């Protein structure tokens, strides 16, 4: 197996920005959750691909918190970075921040999410991921929190498998 050199957290950082439009709204007049989810997956996928230097696919979405509604006209910035890496998988953290088009106010965090990606080769088989090297105390904390989420994912999967075998 090829040995990878570690990459600092900053290496994977990606920002995408878009304006929410009338085609993005639900029946309540706010941006549809599915539109937000796709935007989150897009930016997380870009960060994962940047970190791995190739294709990475979404394996799971650990958590999405919708904190504030988005509206037509809002300018939304999606920030993503790789928080943790395993041998072929990685966790990507995402934060969405909105600037309201009709207010002079500070930007507001509207959503956060954690997604797991797996790096794959041309045949779709998992391939090694370069280690992420936390480059600040804040990113060291994100690494530790990602390990907690991973432990919970694995424990939940095991508990469900045991229950199904009964």
N, C-alpha and C. Protein backbone atom coordinates (compact mmCIF):
# COMPACT_ATOMS: atom_id res chain seq x y z
N UNK A 1 0.85 -1.18 0.00
CA UNK A 1 0.00 0.00 0.00
C UNK A 1 0.89 1.25 0.00
N UNK A 2 0.49 2.24 -0.76
CA UNK A 2 1.25 3.49 -0.85
C UNK A 2 1.08 4.31 0.42
N UNK A 3 2.18 4.84 0.91
CA UNK A 3 2.15 5.68 2.11
C UNK A 3 1.84 7.12 1.70
N UNK A 4 0.95 7.77 2.43
CA UNK A 4 0.58 9.15 2.12
C UNK A 4 1.20 10.12 3.11
N UNK A 5 1.55 11.28 2.62
CA UNK A 5 2.01 12.37 3.47
C UNK A 5 0.78 13.08 4.03
N UNK A 6 0.83 13.46 5.30
CA UNK A 6 -0.28 14.17 5.90
C UNK A 6 -0.47 15.55 5.29
N UNK A 7 -1.71 16.02 5.31
CA UNK A 7 -2.06 17.35 4.80
C UNK A 7 -2.72 18.13 5.92
N UNK A 8 -2.37 19.40 6.06
CA UNK A 8 -3.00 20.21 7.12
C UNK A 8 -4.49 20.41 6.83
N UNK A 9 -5.22 20.64 7.88
CA UNK A 9 -6.67 20.87 7.75
C UNK A 9 -6.96 21.94 6.70
N UNK A 10 -6.17 23.01 6.70
CA UNK A 10 -6.40 24.13 5.79
C UNK A 10 -6.35 23.71 4.32
N UNK A 11 -5.62 22.63 4.01
CA UNK A 11 -5.48 22.18 2.62
C UNK A 11 -6.84 21.86 1.99
N UNK A 12 -7.75 21.30 2.79
CA UNK A 12 -9.03 20.84 2.25
C UNK A 12 -10.12 21.91 2.25
N UNK A 13 -9.88 23.06 2.83
CA UNK A 13 -10.96 24.05 2.98
C UNK A 13 -11.50 24.53 1.63
N UNK A 14 -12.82 24.56 1.57
CA UNK A 14 -13.52 25.00 0.37
C UNK A 14 -14.66 25.92 0.79
N UNK A 15 -14.90 26.95 -0.01
CA UNK A 15 -16.05 27.83 0.18
C UNK A 15 -16.83 27.90 -1.12
N UNK A 16 -18.12 27.66 -1.06
CA UNK A 16 -19.02 27.86 -2.20
C UNK A 16 -20.04 28.91 -1.78
N UNK A 17 -20.44 29.73 -2.73
CA UNK A 17 -21.41 30.78 -2.43
C UNK A 17 -22.48 30.79 -3.50
N UNK A 18 -23.72 30.99 -3.08
CA UNK A 18 -24.82 31.13 -4.04
C UNK A 18 -25.93 31.99 -3.46
N UNK A 19 -26.72 32.54 -4.35
CA UNK A 19 -27.89 33.31 -3.97
C UNK A 19 -29.11 32.40 -4.06
N UNK A 20 -29.92 32.40 -3.04
CA UNK A 20 -31.15 31.60 -3.06
C UNK A 20 -32.19 32.29 -3.94
N UNK A 21 -32.84 31.53 -4.78
CA UNK A 21 -33.80 32.09 -5.74
C UNK A 21 -35.19 31.50 -5.54
N UNK A 22 -36.14 31.99 -6.30
CA UNK A 22 -37.53 31.55 -6.18
C UNK A 22 -37.69 30.05 -6.48
N UNK A 23 -36.82 29.47 -7.30
CA UNK A 23 -36.93 28.03 -7.58
C UNK A 23 -36.49 27.17 -6.40
N UNK A 24 -35.88 27.78 -5.38
CA UNK A 24 -35.38 27.04 -4.21
C UNK A 24 -36.39 26.93 -3.08
N UNK A 25 -37.52 27.61 -3.17
CA UNK A 25 -38.43 27.69 -2.01
C UNK A 25 -39.41 26.53 -1.93
N UNK A 26 -39.88 26.30 -0.70
CA UNK A 26 -40.91 25.30 -0.45
C UNK A 26 -42.27 25.99 -0.36
N UNK A 27 -43.28 25.26 0.07
CA UNK A 27 -44.63 25.82 0.16
C UNK A 27 -44.76 26.88 1.25
N UNK A 28 -43.79 26.97 2.16
CA UNK A 28 -43.85 27.93 3.24
C UNK A 28 -43.11 29.22 2.92
N UNK A 29 -42.52 29.28 1.73
CA UNK A 29 -41.83 30.50 1.32
C UNK A 29 -40.38 30.60 1.77
N UNK A 30 -39.87 29.54 2.37
CA UNK A 30 -38.45 29.50 2.74
C UNK A 30 -37.74 28.48 1.86
N UNK A 31 -36.43 28.48 1.89
CA UNK A 31 -35.67 27.57 1.04
C UNK A 31 -35.90 26.14 1.50
N UNK A 32 -36.16 25.27 0.55
CA UNK A 32 -36.44 23.86 0.78
C UNK A 32 -35.22 23.17 1.41
N UNK A 33 -35.47 22.35 2.42
CA UNK A 33 -34.40 21.63 3.10
C UNK A 33 -33.55 20.79 2.15
N UNK A 34 -34.18 20.22 1.12
CA UNK A 34 -33.44 19.42 0.15
C UNK A 34 -32.44 20.24 -0.65
N UNK A 35 -32.77 21.50 -0.93
CA UNK A 35 -31.84 22.40 -1.62
C UNK A 35 -30.63 22.66 -0.73
N UNK A 36 -30.89 22.88 0.54
CA UNK A 36 -29.82 23.11 1.50
C UNK A 36 -28.94 21.86 1.63
N UNK A 37 -29.58 20.69 1.69
CA UNK A 37 -28.84 19.44 1.81
C UNK A 37 -27.94 19.21 0.61
N UNK A 38 -28.43 19.50 -0.58
CA UNK A 38 -27.60 19.33 -1.78
C UNK A 38 -26.42 20.29 -1.76
N UNK A 39 -26.65 21.52 -1.34
CA UNK A 39 -25.57 22.51 -1.26
C UNK A 39 -24.51 22.03 -0.26
N UNK A 40 -24.96 21.49 0.87
CA UNK A 40 -24.04 20.95 1.87
C UNK A 40 -23.23 19.80 1.28
N UNK A 41 -23.89 18.88 0.59
CA UNK A 41 -23.20 17.74 -0.01
C UNK A 41 -22.21 18.20 -1.09
N UNK A 42 -22.59 19.21 -1.86
CA UNK A 42 -21.69 19.73 -2.91
C UNK A 42 -20.40 20.28 -2.31
N UNK A 43 -20.50 21.12 -1.30
CA UNK A 43 -19.30 21.73 -0.72
C UNK A 43 -18.47 20.69 0.02
N UNK A 44 -19.14 19.76 0.71
CA UNK A 44 -18.41 18.70 1.42
C UNK A 44 -17.67 17.81 0.42
N UNK A 45 -18.32 17.49 -0.70
CA UNK A 45 -17.67 16.67 -1.72
C UNK A 45 -16.46 17.36 -2.32
N UNK A 46 -16.55 18.68 -2.49
CA UNK A 46 -15.41 19.43 -3.03
C UNK A 46 -14.24 19.40 -2.05
N UNK A 47 -14.52 19.52 -0.74
CA UNK A 47 -13.45 19.46 0.26
C UNK A 47 -12.83 18.07 0.31
N UNK A 48 -13.66 17.03 0.25
CA UNK A 48 -13.16 15.66 0.27
C UNK A 48 -12.29 15.38 -0.95
N UNK A 49 -12.74 15.81 -2.12
CA UNK A 49 -11.97 15.60 -3.35
C UNK A 49 -10.66 16.37 -3.31
N UNK A 50 -10.69 17.57 -2.79
CA UNK A 50 -9.46 18.37 -2.67
C UNK A 50 -8.47 17.65 -1.76
N UNK A 51 -8.96 17.17 -0.62
CA UNK A 51 -8.06 16.51 0.33
C UNK A 51 -7.45 15.23 -0.26
N UNK A 52 -8.27 14.43 -0.94
CA UNK A 52 -7.80 13.13 -1.44
C UNK A 52 -7.12 13.22 -2.79
N UNK A 53 -7.32 14.33 -3.50
CA UNK A 53 -6.74 14.45 -4.82
C UNK A 53 -7.43 13.58 -5.85
N UNK A 54 -8.68 13.27 -5.62
CA UNK A 54 -9.44 12.43 -6.56
C UNK A 54 -10.87 12.28 -6.11
N UNK A 55 -11.51 11.26 -6.62
CA UNK A 55 -12.93 11.05 -6.36
C UNK A 55 -13.16 10.58 -4.93
N UNK A 56 -14.17 11.18 -4.31
CA UNK A 56 -14.64 10.76 -2.99
C UNK A 56 -16.16 10.81 -3.03
N UNK A 57 -16.79 9.79 -2.49
CA UNK A 57 -18.25 9.70 -2.54
C UNK A 57 -18.84 9.78 -1.14
N UNK A 58 -20.05 10.30 -1.06
CA UNK A 58 -20.76 10.42 0.21
C UNK A 58 -21.12 9.03 0.71
N UNK A 59 -20.69 8.70 1.92
CA UNK A 59 -21.03 7.41 2.53
C UNK A 59 -22.17 7.57 3.52
N UNK A 60 -22.17 8.67 4.26
CA UNK A 60 -23.27 8.92 5.20
C UNK A 60 -23.28 10.39 5.58
N UNK A 61 -24.43 10.79 6.06
CA UNK A 61 -24.57 12.13 6.63
C UNK A 61 -24.88 11.90 8.10
N UNK A 62 -23.94 12.32 8.94
CA UNK A 62 -24.08 12.09 10.37
C UNK A 62 -25.15 12.99 10.96
N UNK A 63 -25.11 14.25 10.57
CA UNK A 63 -26.00 15.21 11.22
C UNK A 63 -26.11 16.45 10.35
N UNK A 64 -27.33 16.94 10.22
CA UNK A 64 -27.55 18.27 9.65
C UNK A 64 -28.46 19.00 10.62
N UNK A 65 -28.00 20.15 11.05
CA UNK A 65 -28.83 21.00 11.91
C UNK A 65 -29.27 22.21 11.09
N UNK A 66 -30.57 22.40 10.98
CA UNK A 66 -31.12 23.59 10.34
C UNK A 66 -31.40 24.59 11.47
N UNK A 67 -30.60 25.64 11.53
CA UNK A 67 -30.66 26.56 12.66
C UNK A 67 -31.55 27.77 12.42
N UNK A 68 -31.56 28.26 11.19
CA UNK A 68 -32.36 29.43 10.81
C UNK A 68 -32.87 29.21 9.39
N UNK A 69 -34.06 29.73 9.06
CA UNK A 69 -34.55 29.57 7.68
C UNK A 69 -33.77 30.44 6.70
N UNK A 70 -33.68 29.95 5.48
CA UNK A 70 -33.13 30.74 4.38
C UNK A 70 -34.29 31.26 3.55
N UNK A 71 -34.08 32.43 2.95
CA UNK A 71 -35.14 33.05 2.15
C UNK A 71 -34.61 33.40 0.78
N UNK A 72 -35.52 33.63 -0.13
CA UNK A 72 -35.14 34.09 -1.46
C UNK A 72 -34.33 35.37 -1.33
N UNK A 73 -33.23 35.43 -2.04
CA UNK A 73 -32.37 36.60 -2.03
C UNK A 73 -31.20 36.50 -1.08
N UNK A 74 -31.26 35.58 -0.14
CA UNK A 74 -30.13 35.43 0.79
C UNK A 74 -28.89 34.97 0.04
N UNK A 75 -27.77 35.56 0.38
CA UNK A 75 -26.48 35.14 -0.13
C UNK A 75 -25.91 34.15 0.88
N UNK A 76 -25.69 32.91 0.45
CA UNK A 76 -25.28 31.85 1.37
C UNK A 76 -23.87 31.39 1.05
N UNK A 77 -23.03 31.37 2.08
CA UNK A 77 -21.66 30.89 1.96
C UNK A 77 -21.60 29.54 2.67
N UNK A 78 -21.10 28.53 1.96
CA UNK A 78 -20.93 27.19 2.54
C UNK A 78 -19.44 26.96 2.72
N UNK A 79 -19.04 26.68 3.97
CA UNK A 79 -17.64 26.44 4.31
C UNK A 79 -17.49 24.97 4.69
N UNK A 80 -16.47 24.30 4.14
CA UNK A 80 -16.25 22.89 4.46
C UNK A 80 -14.76 22.61 4.64
N UNK A 81 -14.47 21.61 5.46
CA UNK A 81 -13.10 21.14 5.62
C UNK A 81 -13.12 19.70 6.13
N UNK A 82 -12.05 18.97 5.86
CA UNK A 82 -11.90 17.63 6.39
C UNK A 82 -11.47 17.75 7.85
N UNK A 83 -12.24 17.12 8.75
CA UNK A 83 -11.96 17.17 10.19
C UNK A 83 -11.18 15.97 10.67
N UNK A 84 -11.37 14.83 10.02
CA UNK A 84 -10.82 13.56 10.49
C UNK A 84 -10.61 12.64 9.29
N UNK A 85 -9.60 11.80 9.35
CA UNK A 85 -9.39 10.79 8.31
C UNK A 85 -9.12 9.44 8.94
N UNK A 86 -9.59 8.41 8.25
CA UNK A 86 -9.27 7.02 8.57
C UNK A 86 -8.38 6.50 7.46
N UNK A 87 -8.49 5.22 7.16
CA UNK A 87 -7.65 4.66 6.10
C UNK A 87 -8.22 4.96 4.71
N UNK A 88 -9.55 4.89 4.55
CA UNK A 88 -10.17 5.20 3.25
C UNK A 88 -11.32 6.20 3.38
N UNK A 89 -11.66 6.56 4.60
CA UNK A 89 -12.80 7.46 4.81
C UNK A 89 -12.36 8.72 5.53
N UNK A 90 -13.25 9.70 5.52
CA UNK A 90 -12.97 10.97 6.18
C UNK A 90 -14.28 11.63 6.59
N UNK A 91 -14.22 12.45 7.65
CA UNK A 91 -15.36 13.26 8.02
C UNK A 91 -15.13 14.68 7.53
N UNK A 92 -16.17 15.25 6.94
CA UNK A 92 -16.13 16.64 6.48
C UNK A 92 -17.15 17.43 7.28
N UNK A 93 -16.72 18.54 7.85
CA UNK A 93 -17.62 19.44 8.56
C UNK A 93 -18.02 20.58 7.65
N UNK A 94 -19.28 21.01 7.74
CA UNK A 94 -19.82 22.08 6.89
C UNK A 94 -20.56 23.08 7.75
N UNK A 95 -20.40 24.36 7.40
CA UNK A 95 -21.14 25.45 8.07
C UNK A 95 -21.69 26.35 6.98
N UNK A 96 -22.99 26.64 7.03
CA UNK A 96 -23.64 27.57 6.09
C UNK A 96 -23.94 28.87 6.81
N UNK A 97 -23.52 29.97 6.19
CA UNK A 97 -23.72 31.30 6.75
C UNK A 97 -24.45 32.15 5.72
N UNK A 98 -25.50 32.84 6.15
CA UNK A 98 -26.31 33.65 5.24
C UNK A 98 -26.13 35.14 5.51
N UNK A 99 -26.08 35.87 4.43
CA UNK A 99 -26.18 37.33 4.50
C UNK A 99 -27.56 37.66 3.94
N UNK A 100 -28.37 38.28 4.77
CA UNK A 100 -29.73 38.61 4.35
C UNK A 100 -29.69 39.77 3.35
N UNK A 101 -30.44 39.64 2.29
CA UNK A 101 -30.42 40.66 1.24
C UNK A 101 -31.15 41.92 1.67
N UNK A 102 -32.06 41.78 2.62
CA UNK A 102 -32.92 42.91 2.98
C UNK A 102 -32.61 43.49 4.36
N UNK A 103 -31.45 43.14 4.93
CA UNK A 103 -31.10 43.63 6.26
C UNK A 103 -29.63 44.05 6.27
N UNK A 104 -29.34 45.08 7.04
CA UNK A 104 -27.95 45.41 7.32
C UNK A 104 -27.68 44.80 8.69
N UNK A 105 -27.12 43.59 8.66
CA UNK A 105 -26.89 42.86 9.90
C UNK A 105 -25.72 41.92 9.70
N UNK A 106 -25.22 41.41 10.81
CA UNK A 106 -24.15 40.42 10.73
C UNK A 106 -24.66 39.16 10.06
N UNK A 107 -23.79 38.44 9.35
CA UNK A 107 -24.19 37.15 8.77
C UNK A 107 -24.64 36.20 9.88
N UNK A 108 -25.53 35.28 9.54
CA UNK A 108 -26.10 34.36 10.51
C UNK A 108 -25.81 32.92 10.07
N UNK A 109 -25.40 32.08 11.03
CA UNK A 109 -25.20 30.66 10.74
C UNK A 109 -26.58 30.03 10.60
N UNK A 110 -26.83 29.41 9.45
CA UNK A 110 -28.15 28.85 9.18
C UNK A 110 -28.17 27.33 9.24
N UNK A 111 -27.01 26.68 9.09
CA UNK A 111 -26.98 25.22 9.16
C UNK A 111 -25.55 24.74 9.40
N UNK A 112 -25.45 23.57 10.02
CA UNK A 112 -24.16 22.89 10.17
C UNK A 112 -24.39 21.42 9.85
N UNK A 113 -23.32 20.73 9.45
CA UNK A 113 -23.47 19.32 9.09
C UNK A 113 -22.13 18.61 9.20
N UNK A 114 -22.23 17.27 9.36
CA UNK A 114 -21.07 16.39 9.33
C UNK A 114 -21.38 15.25 8.38
N UNK A 115 -20.51 15.05 7.41
CA UNK A 115 -20.69 14.00 6.41
C UNK A 115 -19.46 13.10 6.39
N UNK A 116 -19.67 11.84 6.03
CA UNK A 116 -18.57 10.90 5.88
C UNK A 116 -18.44 10.58 4.40
N UNK A 117 -17.21 10.69 3.91
CA UNK A 117 -16.89 10.38 2.52
C UNK A 117 -15.89 9.24 2.47
N UNK A 118 -15.94 8.48 1.38
CA UNK A 118 -14.96 7.43 1.12
C UNK A 118 -14.28 7.77 -0.20
N UNK A 119 -12.95 7.72 -0.20
CA UNK A 119 -12.19 7.93 -1.43
C UNK A 119 -12.28 6.65 -2.25
N UNK A 120 -12.51 6.79 -3.56
CA UNK A 120 -12.63 5.62 -4.43
C UNK A 120 -11.73 5.77 -5.66
N UNK A 121 -11.33 4.62 -6.20
CA UNK A 121 -10.52 4.61 -7.41
C UNK A 121 -11.42 4.55 -8.64
N UNK A 122 -10.83 4.36 -9.81
CA UNK A 122 -11.59 4.37 -11.08
C UNK A 122 -12.62 3.25 -11.14
N UNK A 123 -12.40 2.16 -10.40
CA UNK A 123 -13.36 1.04 -10.38
C UNK A 123 -14.39 1.18 -9.26
N UNK A 124 -14.31 2.28 -8.51
CA UNK A 124 -15.26 2.50 -7.42
C UNK A 124 -14.89 1.78 -6.14
N UNK A 125 -13.68 1.26 -6.05
CA UNK A 125 -13.20 0.58 -4.85
C UNK A 125 -12.54 1.60 -3.91
N UNK A 126 -12.72 1.40 -2.59
CA UNK A 126 -12.07 2.32 -1.65
C UNK A 126 -10.56 2.37 -1.86
N UNK A 127 -10.01 3.57 -1.69
CA UNK A 127 -8.57 3.76 -1.83
C UNK A 127 -8.06 4.54 -0.63
N UNK A 128 -6.76 4.48 -0.36
CA UNK A 128 -6.21 5.16 0.82
C UNK A 128 -6.42 6.67 0.77
N UNK A 129 -6.60 7.24 1.96
CA UNK A 129 -6.80 8.67 2.13
C UNK A 129 -5.56 9.25 2.82
N UNK A 130 -5.05 10.38 2.34
CA UNK A 130 -3.94 11.01 3.07
C UNK A 130 -4.43 11.44 4.46
N UNK A 131 -3.61 11.28 5.48
CA UNK A 131 -4.04 11.73 6.81
C UNK A 131 -4.23 13.24 6.85
N UNK A 132 -5.21 13.68 7.61
CA UNK A 132 -5.34 15.12 7.85
C UNK A 132 -4.58 15.43 9.13
N UNK A 133 -3.86 16.52 9.11
CA UNK A 133 -3.06 16.94 10.27
C UNK A 133 -3.68 18.22 10.82
N UNK A 134 -4.37 18.13 11.97
CA UNK A 134 -4.97 19.34 12.54
C UNK A 134 -3.92 20.43 12.72
N UNK A 135 -4.23 21.63 12.24
CA UNK A 135 -3.25 22.71 12.23
C UNK A 135 -3.54 23.82 13.24
N UNK A 136 -4.41 23.53 14.19
CA UNK A 136 -4.71 24.50 15.25
C UNK A 136 -5.38 23.75 16.40
N UNK A 137 -5.39 24.35 17.59
CA UNK A 137 -6.11 23.71 18.71
C UNK A 137 -7.59 23.50 18.38
N UNK A 138 -8.20 24.43 17.67
CA UNK A 138 -9.61 24.28 17.28
C UNK A 138 -9.80 23.05 16.40
N UNK A 139 -8.88 22.84 15.44
CA UNK A 139 -8.99 21.69 14.56
C UNK A 139 -8.62 20.39 15.25
N UNK A 140 -7.78 20.44 16.28
CA UNK A 140 -7.53 19.26 17.10
C UNK A 140 -8.81 18.86 17.83
N UNK A 141 -9.56 19.86 18.31
CA UNK A 141 -10.85 19.59 18.94
C UNK A 141 -11.84 18.98 17.97
N UNK A 142 -11.86 19.48 16.74
CA UNK A 142 -12.75 18.91 15.72
C UNK A 142 -12.39 17.46 15.43
N UNK A 143 -11.07 17.16 15.41
CA UNK A 143 -10.62 15.78 15.19
C UNK A 143 -11.17 14.87 16.29
N UNK A 144 -11.02 15.29 17.55
CA UNK A 144 -11.49 14.48 18.67
C UNK A 144 -13.02 14.30 18.62
N UNK A 145 -13.74 15.36 18.31
CA UNK A 145 -15.20 15.25 18.20
C UNK A 145 -15.60 14.33 17.06
N UNK A 146 -14.86 14.36 15.96
CA UNK A 146 -15.14 13.46 14.84
C UNK A 146 -14.93 12.00 15.25
N UNK A 147 -13.92 11.75 16.06
CA UNK A 147 -13.69 10.38 16.54
C UNK A 147 -14.86 9.91 17.41
N UNK A 148 -15.42 10.81 18.22
CA UNK A 148 -16.59 10.47 19.03
C UNK A 148 -17.77 10.11 18.13
N UNK A 149 -18.01 10.93 17.09
CA UNK A 149 -19.11 10.63 16.16
C UNK A 149 -18.88 9.28 15.48
N UNK A 150 -17.63 8.99 15.11
CA UNK A 150 -17.32 7.71 14.46
C UNK A 150 -17.61 6.54 15.41
N UNK A 151 -17.17 6.66 16.66
CA UNK A 151 -17.44 5.61 17.63
C UNK A 151 -18.94 5.37 17.79
N UNK A 152 -19.72 6.43 17.80
CA UNK A 152 -21.17 6.30 17.92
C UNK A 152 -21.78 5.65 16.69
N UNK A 153 -21.29 6.02 15.50
CA UNK A 153 -21.78 5.39 14.25
C UNK A 153 -21.53 3.88 14.28
N UNK A 154 -20.30 3.51 14.65
CA UNK A 154 -19.94 2.09 14.66
C UNK A 154 -20.72 1.33 15.73
N UNK A 155 -20.90 1.91 16.90
CA UNK A 155 -21.66 1.27 17.97
C UNK A 155 -23.13 1.11 17.57
N UNK A 156 -23.70 2.13 16.96
CA UNK A 156 -25.10 2.06 16.50
C UNK A 156 -25.26 0.96 15.46
N UNK A 157 -24.33 0.90 14.50
CA UNK A 157 -24.38 -0.13 13.46
C UNK A 157 -24.30 -1.52 14.08
N UNK A 158 -23.40 -1.71 15.04
CA UNK A 158 -23.25 -3.01 15.71
C UNK A 158 -24.52 -3.37 16.48
N UNK A 159 -25.08 -2.41 17.21
CA UNK A 159 -26.31 -2.68 17.99
C UNK A 159 -27.46 -3.07 17.08
N UNK A 160 -27.58 -2.40 15.94
CA UNK A 160 -28.65 -2.73 15.00
C UNK A 160 -28.44 -4.13 14.42
N UNK A 161 -27.20 -4.46 14.06
CA UNK A 161 -26.90 -5.79 13.54
C UNK A 161 -27.23 -6.87 14.57
N UNK A 162 -26.87 -6.64 15.82
CA UNK A 162 -27.18 -7.61 16.88
C UNK A 162 -28.69 -7.76 17.03
N UNK A 163 -29.42 -6.65 16.98
CA UNK A 163 -30.88 -6.72 17.11
C UNK A 163 -31.50 -7.51 15.96
N UNK A 164 -31.00 -7.32 14.76
CA UNK A 164 -31.56 -8.02 13.59
C UNK A 164 -31.27 -9.52 13.62
N UNK A 165 -30.26 -9.93 14.35
CA UNK A 165 -29.91 -11.35 14.43
C UNK A 165 -30.76 -12.12 15.45
N UNK A 166 -31.56 -11.38 16.20
CA UNK A 166 -32.41 -12.02 17.22
C UNK A 166 -33.58 -12.73 16.59
